[in-house]
Amino acid sequence: MTHVKICGIRNASDAEYVNEFKPEYAGFVFAGGSRRMIPPKKA
């Protein structure tokens, strides 16, 4: 079985869009140095 993960969510509109596709996993980038990085409180 294939599982889908969408990563790099940065704001509420990204999350709403991702939820339309109902992936098994979704994620945020907390690692520094990435242009997609967001602070945990924002997530």
PDB file of N, CA and C in Angstrom:
ATOM      1  N   MET A   1       0.844  -1.180   0.000  1.00  0.00           N
ATOM      2  CA  MET A   1       0.000   0.000   0.000  1.00  0.00           C
ATOM      3  C   MET A   1       0.890   1.244   0.000  1.00  0.00           C
ATOM      4  N   THR A   2       0.511   2.231  -0.773  1.00  0.00           N
ATOM      5  CA  THR A   2       1.257   3.484  -0.843  1.00  0.00           C
ATOM      6  C   THR A   2       0.685   4.486   0.139  1.00  0.00           C
ATOM      7  N   HIS A   3       1.577   5.157   0.860  1.00  0.00           N
ATOM      8  CA  HIS A   3       1.168   6.224   1.773  1.00  0.00           C
ATOM      9  C   HIS A   3       1.686   7.541   1.213  1.00  0.00           C
ATOM     10  N   VAL A   4       0.916   8.592   1.420  1.00  0.00           N
ATOM     11  CA  VAL A   4       1.282   9.910   0.916  1.00  0.00           C
ATOM     12  C   VAL A   4       1.573  10.834   2.087  1.00  0.00           C
ATOM     13  N   LYS A   5       2.694  11.573   1.981  1.00  0.00           N
ATOM     14  CA  LYS A   5       3.054  12.577   2.984  1.00  0.00           C
ATOM     15  C   LYS A   5       3.282  13.891   2.248  1.00  0.00           C
ATOM     16  N   ILE A   6       2.661  14.939   2.752  1.00  0.00           N
ATOM     17  CA  ILE A   6       2.878  16.278   2.216  1.00  0.00           C
ATOM     18  C   ILE A   6       3.535  17.086   3.322  1.00  0.00           C
ATOM     19  N   CYS A   7       4.684  17.623   3.014  1.00  0.00           N
ATOM     20  CA  CYS A   7       5.474  18.312   4.028  1.00  0.00           C
ATOM     21  C   CYS A   7       5.767  19.748   3.579  1.00  0.00           C
ATOM     22  N   GLY A   8       6.087  20.589   4.539  1.00  0.00           N
ATOM     23  CA  GLY A   8       6.440  21.963   4.227  1.00  0.00           C
ATOM     24  C   GLY A   8       5.278  22.928   4.381  1.00  0.00           C
ATOM     25  N   ILE A   9       4.278  22.533   5.155  1.00  0.00           N
ATOM     26  CA  ILE A   9       3.122  23.399   5.382  1.00  0.00           C
ATOM     27  C   ILE A   9       3.585  24.621   6.166  1.00  0.00           C
ATOM     28  N   ARG A  10       3.220  25.810   5.679  1.00  0.00           N
ATOM     29  CA  ARG A  10       3.711  27.032   6.308  1.00  0.00           C
ATOM     30  C   ARG A  10       2.627  27.924   6.880  1.00  0.00           C
ATOM     31  N   ASN A  11       1.383  27.734   6.480  1.00  0.00           N
ATOM     32  CA  ASN A  11       0.322  28.619   6.978  1.00  0.00           C
ATOM     33  C   ASN A  11      -1.023  27.904   6.896  1.00  0.00           C
ATOM     34  N   ALA A  12      -2.067  28.577   7.386  1.00  0.00           N
ATOM     35  CA  ALA A  12      -3.394  27.963   7.458  1.00  0.00           C
ATOM     36  C   ALA A  12      -3.941  27.630   6.074  1.00  0.00           C
ATOM     37  N   SER A  13      -3.701  28.481   5.088  1.00  0.00           N
ATOM     38  CA  SER A  13      -4.235  28.183   3.759  1.00  0.00           C
ATOM     39  C   SER A  13      -3.551  26.959   3.148  1.00  0.00           C
ATOM     40  N   ASP A  14      -2.253  26.757   3.434  1.00  0.00           N
ATOM     41  CA  ASP A  14      -1.568  25.532   2.995  1.00  0.00           C
ATOM     42  C   ASP A  14      -2.232  24.308   3.622  1.00  0.00           C
ATOM     43  N   ALA A  15      -2.520  24.393   4.916  1.00  0.00           N
ATOM     44  CA  ALA A  15      -3.128  23.268   5.630  1.00  0.00           C
ATOM     45  C   ALA A  15      -4.514  22.956   5.083  1.00  0.00           C
ATOM     46  N   GLU A  16      -5.294  23.980   4.791  1.00  0.00           N
ATOM     47  CA  GLU A  16      -6.628  23.762   4.225  1.00  0.00           C
ATOM     48  C   GLU A  16      -6.525  23.065   2.866  1.00  0.00           C
ATOM     49  N   TYR A  17      -5.593  23.493   2.049  1.00  0.00           N
ATOM     50  CA  TYR A  17      -5.403  22.895   0.724  1.00  0.00           C
ATOM     51  C   TYR A  17      -4.981  21.429   0.848  1.00  0.00           C
ATOM     52  N   VAL A  18      -4.033  21.154   1.728  1.00  0.00           N
ATOM     53  CA  VAL A  18      -3.562  19.783   1.936  1.00  0.00           C
ATOM     54  C   VAL A  18      -4.709  18.893   2.419  1.00  0.00           C
ATOM     55  N   ASN A  19      -5.559  19.411   3.297  1.00  0.00           N
ATOM     56  CA  ASN A  19      -6.669  18.615   3.835  1.00  0.00           C
ATOM     57  C   ASN A  19      -7.676  18.201   2.766  1.00  0.00           C
ATOM     58  N   GLU A  20      -7.727  18.915   1.657  1.00  0.00           N
ATOM     59  CA  GLU A  20      -8.624  18.527   0.573  1.00  0.00           C
ATOM     60  C   GLU A  20      -8.230  17.170  -0.021  1.00  0.00           C
ATOM     61  N   PHE A  21      -6.937  16.844   0.036  1.00  0.00           N
ATOM     62  CA  PHE A  21      -6.436  15.606  -0.557  1.00  0.00           C
ATOM     63  C   PHE A  21      -6.330  14.455   0.436  1.00  0.00           C
ATOM     64  N   LYS A  22      -6.490  14.747   1.700  1.00  0.00           N
ATOM     65  CA  LYS A  22      -6.495  13.740   2.761  1.00  0.00           C
ATOM     66  C   LYS A  22      -5.301  12.783   2.721  1.00  0.00           C
ATOM     67  N   PRO A  23      -4.076  13.327   2.785  1.00  0.00           N
ATOM     68  CA  PRO A  23      -2.910  12.433   2.819  1.00  0.00           C
ATOM     69  C   PRO A  23      -2.847  11.698   4.158  1.00  0.00           C
ATOM     70  N   GLU A  24      -2.104  10.613   4.184  1.00  0.00           N
ATOM     71  CA  GLU A  24      -1.930   9.884   5.447  1.00  0.00           C
ATOM     72  C   GLU A  24      -1.107  10.687   6.447  1.00  0.00           C
ATOM     73  N   TYR A  25      -0.182  11.486   5.937  1.00  0.00           N
ATOM     74  CA  TYR A  25       0.703  12.270   6.799  1.00  0.00           C
ATOM     75  C   TYR A  25       0.859  13.679   6.230  1.00  0.00           C
ATOM     76  N   ALA A  26       1.042  14.634   7.110  1.00  0.00           N
ATOM     77  CA  ALA A  26       1.348  16.005   6.707  1.00  0.00           C
ATOM     78  C   ALA A  26       2.352  16.536   7.724  1.00  0.00           C
ATOM     79  N   GLY A  27       3.212  17.432   7.288  1.00  0.00           N
ATOM     80  CA  GLY A  27       4.247  17.861   8.216  1.00  0.00           C
ATOM     81  C   GLY A  27       4.689  19.296   8.043  1.00  0.00           C
ATOM     82  N   PHE A  28       5.383  19.737   9.052  1.00  0.00           N
ATOM     83  CA  PHE A  28       5.969  21.069   9.102  1.00  0.00           C
ATOM     84  C   PHE A  28       7.482  20.924   9.147  1.00  0.00           C
ATOM     85  N   VAL A  29       8.206  21.944   8.730  1.00  0.00           N
ATOM     86  CA  VAL A  29       9.667  21.920   8.769  1.00  0.00           C
ATOM     87  C   VAL A  29      10.112  22.822   9.916  1.00  0.00           C
ATOM     88  N   PHE A  30      10.744  22.221  10.924  1.00  0.00           N
ATOM     89  CA  PHE A  30      11.245  22.973  12.071  1.00  0.00           C
ATOM     90  C   PHE A  30      12.757  23.168  12.015  1.00  0.00           C
ATOM     91  N   ALA A  31      13.423  22.481  11.095  1.00  0.00           N
ATOM     92  CA  ALA A  31      14.879  22.559  11.000  1.00  0.00           C
ATOM     93  C   ALA A  31      15.306  23.924  10.464  1.00  0.00           C
ATOM     94  N   GLY A  32      16.268  24.515  11.132  1.00  0.00           N
ATOM     95  CA  GLY A  32      16.801  25.788  10.680  1.00  0.00           C
ATOM     96  C   GLY A  32      17.531  25.637   9.356  1.00  0.00           C
ATOM     97  N   GLY A  33      17.616  26.724   8.611  1.00  0.00           N
ATOM     98  CA  GLY A  33      18.330  26.708   7.351  1.00  0.00           C
ATOM     99  C   GLY A  33      17.440  26.409   6.152  1.00  0.00           C
ATOM    100  N   SER A  34      16.193  26.024   6.400  1.00  0.00           N
ATOM    101  CA  SER A  34      15.271  25.749   5.304  1.00  0.00           C
ATOM    102  C   SER A  34      14.377  26.960   5.085  1.00  0.00           C
ATOM    103  N   ARG A  35      14.096  27.288   3.820  1.00  0.00           N
ATOM    104  CA  ARG A  35      13.204  28.412   3.558  1.00  0.00           C
ATOM    105  C   ARG A  35      11.766  28.087   3.952  1.00  0.00           C
ATOM    106  N   ARG A  36      11.467  26.812   4.174  1.00  0.00           N
ATOM    107  CA  ARG A  36      10.140  26.389   4.596  1.00  0.00           C
ATOM    108  C   ARG A  36      10.009  26.296   6.113  1.00  0.00           C
ATOM    109  N   MET A  37      11.068  26.578   6.850  1.00  0.00           N
ATOM    110  CA  MET A  37      11.068  26.455   8.308  1.00  0.00           C
ATOM    111  C   MET A  37      10.074  27.427   8.945  1.00  0.00           C
ATOM    112  N   ILE A  38       9.297  26.926   9.921  1.00  0.00           N
ATOM    113  CA  ILE A  38       8.417  27.771  10.719  1.00  0.00           C
ATOM    114  C   ILE A  38       8.643  27.437  12.188  1.00  0.00           C
ATOM    115  N   PRO A  39       8.414  28.398  13.092  1.00  0.00           N
ATOM    116  CA  PRO A  39       8.580  28.099  14.512  1.00  0.00           C
ATOM    117  C   PRO A  39       7.436  27.195  15.009  1.00  0.00           C
ATOM    118  N   PRO A  40       7.718  26.342  15.991  1.00  0.00           N
ATOM    119  CA  PRO A  40       6.694  25.413  16.502  1.00  0.00           C
ATOM    120  C   PRO A  40       5.414  26.116  16.954  1.00  0.00           C
ATOM    121  N   LYS A  41       5.499  27.298  17.543  1.00  0.00           N
ATOM    122  CA  LYS A  41       4.287  27.985  17.991  1.00  0.00           C
ATOM    123  C   LYS A  41       3.380  28.345  16.829  1.00  0.00           C
ATOM    124  N   LYS A  42       3.948  28.666  15.682  1.00  0.00           N
ATOM    125  CA  LYS A  42       3.146  28.995  14.507  1.00  0.00           C
ATOM    126  C   LYS A  42       2.451  27.753  13.956  1.00  0.00           C
ATOM    127  N   ALA A  43       3.120  26.601  14.080  1.00  0.00           N
ATOM    128  CA  ALA A  43       2.531  25.350  13.575  1.00  0.00           C
ATOM    129  C   ALA A  43       1.293  25.004  14.380  1.00  0.00           C
TER     130      ALA A  43
END
